[in-house]
Amino acid sequence: MLLVAGAASAADKPEFGEIGIDTAGMDKTVTPGDDFYAYMNGGWMKTATIPSDRSNYGDVARLREQSLARVRGIVEAGGAADARKFADFYASFMDEAAIEKAGITPLKADLAVIAAVKTPKDLARTMAALERKQRPFGYGSPQPSFPVYPYVGQDAKDPTKASSELVQGASACRTATIT
């Protein structure tokens, strides 16, 4: 509740303008009937800079970065007892010395399950079990701290293909994948 209340008060002032169609991203030199995608997005495609570590970047990514920064500010501020719990939890993830000291000990049980895979059938069962562990209540559910989980989705480098990926879980960087 505190995070939501804090985020709401920080968002009182709109930062992205009014709701509507962003005509600045359009390329009105293109005839809509010839190439509607280029007409609607051509201006953005000509001027946008996508960071080299990403396959895409736009308003959604900027909103996510802004949201993460706001939540981080709320958590780091601590304050009231419940907010202090969030701050302490966050601090535990940022305590690199404690993480280094623990080493792989917290991962040993999960690594043993992975090491026990001997056949393709074992692999399928293990991946399904890891997926259930990662998302115990289905897609969209909160993700527990787990190093990797399987995912099949649109290929980031070729949108005409699907790819299977091992995605880093909540205990790691959220955007990196191994394809």
Protein backbone atom coordinates (compact mmCIF):
# COMPACT_ATOMS: atom_id res chain seq x y z
CA MET A 1 0.00 0.00 0.00
CA LEU A 2 2.74 2.43 0.89
CA LEU A 3 4.48 1.88 -2.42
CA VAL A 4 1.27 2.52 -4.32
CA ALA A 5 0.48 5.62 -2.27
CA GLY A 6 4.01 6.95 -2.71
CA ALA A 7 3.99 6.27 -6.43
CA ALA A 8 0.59 7.94 -6.83
CA SER A 9 1.74 11.12 -5.12
CA ALA A 10 4.88 11.21 -7.27
CA ALA A 11 2.77 10.84 -10.40
CA ASP A 12 0.39 13.76 -9.73
CA LYS A 13 2.05 15.86 -12.43
CA PRO A 14 1.89 14.32 -15.94
CA GLU A 15 5.31 13.95 -17.50
CA PHE A 16 4.43 12.60 -20.94
CA GLY A 17 1.88 15.14 -22.11
CA GLU A 18 -1.71 14.55 -22.99
CA ILE A 19 -3.22 11.25 -24.02
CA GLY A 20 -3.66 10.89 -27.77
CA ILE A 21 -1.79 10.09 -30.95
CA ASP A 22 1.85 11.16 -31.07
CA THR A 23 1.93 12.91 -34.42
CA ALA A 24 5.60 13.83 -33.91
CA GLY A 25 6.50 10.19 -34.60
CA MET A 26 4.67 10.17 -37.93
CA ASP A 27 6.21 10.55 -41.38
CA LYS A 28 3.65 12.52 -43.35
CA THR A 29 5.77 12.27 -46.51
CA VAL A 30 4.59 8.64 -46.77
CA THR A 31 1.13 7.97 -48.20
CA PRO A 32 -0.87 6.02 -45.59
CA GLY A 33 -2.30 3.72 -48.25
CA ASP A 34 1.17 2.78 -49.48
CA ASP A 35 2.77 1.96 -46.12
CA PHE A 36 0.66 2.73 -43.06
CA TYR A 37 3.35 1.54 -40.64
CA ALA A 38 5.95 3.92 -42.13
CA TYR A 39 3.33 6.70 -42.18
CA MET A 40 2.55 6.28 -38.47
CA ASN A 41 6.08 5.46 -37.22
CA GLY A 42 8.49 6.74 -39.86
CA GLY A 43 9.43 9.94 -38.03
CA TRP A 44 10.21 8.00 -34.87
CA MET A 45 12.17 5.37 -36.81
CA LYS A 46 14.35 8.08 -38.37
CA THR A 47 15.16 9.84 -35.10
CA ALA A 48 14.92 7.24 -32.32
CA THR A 49 18.05 5.96 -30.67
CA ILE A 50 17.79 2.43 -29.33
CA PRO A 51 20.42 1.67 -26.67
CA SER A 52 22.96 -0.88 -27.92
CA ASP A 53 22.11 -3.31 -25.11
CA ARG A 54 18.44 -3.55 -26.18
CA SER A 55 16.43 -4.89 -29.08
CA ASN A 56 13.76 -2.20 -28.68
CA TYR A 57 13.17 1.02 -26.78
CA GLY A 58 10.33 3.47 -26.50
CA ASP A 59 7.74 5.00 -24.20
CA VAL A 60 7.01 1.72 -22.39
CA ALA A 61 10.70 1.23 -21.57
CA ARG A 62 11.01 4.85 -20.41
CA LEU A 63 7.91 4.47 -18.21
CA ARG A 64 9.36 1.27 -16.72
CA GLU A 65 12.67 3.02 -15.95
CA GLN A 66 10.79 5.93 -14.38
CA SER A 67 8.65 3.56 -12.31
CA LEU A 68 11.69 1.62 -11.10
CA ALA A 69 13.45 4.85 -10.12
CA ARG A 70 10.39 6.03 -8.18
CA VAL A 71 9.99 2.72 -6.37
CA ARG A 72 13.70 2.70 -5.57
CA GLY A 73 13.39 6.20 -4.09
CA ILE A 74 10.41 5.17 -1.97
CA VAL A 75 12.13 2.00 -0.76
CA GLU A 76 15.44 3.70 -0.01
CA ALA A 77 13.67 6.46 1.93
CA GLY A 78 12.37 3.92 4.45
CA GLY A 79 10.47 5.83 7.11
CA ALA A 80 7.37 4.18 8.60
CA ALA A 81 7.58 0.61 9.90
CA ASP A 82 6.11 -1.03 6.78
CA ALA A 83 8.22 1.11 4.47
CA ARG A 84 11.25 0.19 6.58
CA LYS A 85 10.52 -3.51 5.89
CA PHE A 86 10.64 -2.82 2.15
CA ALA A 87 13.84 -0.81 2.57
CA ASP A 88 15.48 -3.61 4.58
CA PHE A 89 14.40 -6.21 2.01
CA TYR A 90 15.81 -4.07 -0.80
CA ALA A 91 19.04 -3.50 1.15
CA SER A 92 19.47 -7.27 1.50
CA PHE A 93 19.47 -7.59 -2.30
CA MET A 94 22.00 -4.78 -2.57
CA ASP A 95 24.36 -6.19 0.08
CA GLU A 96 27.00 -7.55 -2.30
CA ALA A 97 29.32 -8.61 0.54
CA ALA A 98 26.64 -10.88 2.05
CA ILE A 99 25.72 -12.21 -1.38
CA GLU A 100 29.37 -13.00 -2.17
CA LYS A 101 29.80 -14.64 1.23
CA ALA A 102 26.77 -16.89 0.67
CA GLY A 103 28.14 -17.91 -2.73
CA ILE A 104 26.03 -20.52 -4.48
CA THR A 105 24.73 -22.05 -1.24
CA PRO A 106 21.20 -20.64 -1.75
CA LEU A 107 21.13 -22.18 -5.26
CA LYS A 108 22.39 -25.68 -4.41
CA ALA A 109 18.97 -27.36 -4.21
CA ASP A 110 17.88 -25.94 -7.57
CA LEU A 111 21.22 -26.77 -9.18
CA ALA A 112 20.90 -30.37 -7.93
CA VAL A 113 17.52 -30.66 -9.66
CA ILE A 114 19.06 -29.38 -12.90
CA ALA A 115 22.10 -31.67 -12.56
CA ALA A 116 19.79 -34.69 -12.21
CA VAL A 117 18.50 -34.24 -15.78
CA LYS A 118 19.64 -37.24 -17.84
CA THR A 119 17.11 -37.62 -20.67
CA PRO A 120 15.00 -35.35 -22.86
CA LYS A 121 11.97 -36.48 -20.84
CA ASP A 122 13.75 -35.45 -17.62
CA LEU A 123 14.52 -32.09 -19.22
CA ALA A 124 10.88 -31.50 -20.17
CA ARG A 125 9.69 -32.42 -16.66
CA THR A 126 12.36 -30.29 -15.01
CA MET A 127 11.61 -27.27 -17.21
CA ALA A 128 7.89 -27.63 -16.43
CA ALA A 129 8.66 -27.88 -12.72
CA LEU A 130 10.91 -24.83 -12.89
CA GLU A 131 8.20 -22.91 -14.75
CA ARG A 132 5.65 -23.83 -12.06
CA LYS A 133 8.11 -22.75 -9.40
CA GLN A 134 8.81 -19.50 -11.23
CA ARG A 135 5.12 -18.74 -11.80
CA PRO A 136 3.15 -20.77 -9.24
CA PHE A 137 -0.14 -19.06 -10.15
CA GLY A 138 0.37 -18.89 -13.92
CA TYR A 139 1.61 -16.12 -16.19
CA GLY A 140 1.22 -12.69 -14.71
CA SER A 141 1.76 -13.95 -11.18
CA PRO A 142 4.54 -12.54 -9.02
CA GLN A 143 7.84 -14.22 -9.75
CA PRO A 144 9.71 -15.79 -6.85
CA SER A 145 13.47 -15.45 -6.67
CA PHE A 146 14.83 -18.10 -9.05
CA PRO A 147 17.93 -17.87 -11.23
CA VAL A 148 16.44 -18.79 -14.63
CA TYR A 149 13.17 -19.89 -16.14
CA PRO A 150 12.14 -21.10 -19.60
CA TYR A 151 10.16 -18.85 -21.93
CA VAL A 152 9.00 -19.11 -25.53
CA GLY A 153 8.21 -15.86 -27.30
CA GLN A 154 8.97 -13.59 -30.21
CA ASP A 155 12.64 -13.61 -31.20
CA ALA A 156 14.18 -10.26 -30.21
CA LYS A 157 16.47 -10.26 -33.26
CA ASP A 158 14.00 -11.58 -35.84
CA PRO A 159 10.33 -10.82 -35.11
CA THR A 160 9.19 -13.29 -37.79
CA LYS A 161 10.42 -16.17 -35.61
CA ALA A 162 9.75 -17.54 -32.15
CA SER A 163 12.59 -18.45 -29.84
CA SER A 164 12.95 -20.41 -26.66
CA GLU A 165 14.90 -18.63 -24.00
CA LEU A 166 16.23 -19.06 -20.52
CA VAL A 167 15.30 -15.80 -18.84
CA GLN A 168 17.02 -14.55 -15.72
CA GLY A 169 14.67 -14.65 -12.78
CA ALA A 170 13.85 -12.19 -10.04
CA SER A 171 17.21 -12.72 -8.36
CA ALA A 172 19.05 -11.42 -11.42
CA CYS A 173 18.92 -8.68 -14.03
CA ARG A 174 15.35 -8.68 -15.34
CA THR A 175 15.95 -7.89 -19.00
CA ALA A 176 18.77 -10.18 -20.07
CA THR A 177 18.06 -13.47 -21.82
CA ILE A 178 20.07 -16.35 -23.21
CA THR A 179 18.67 -17.44 -26.59
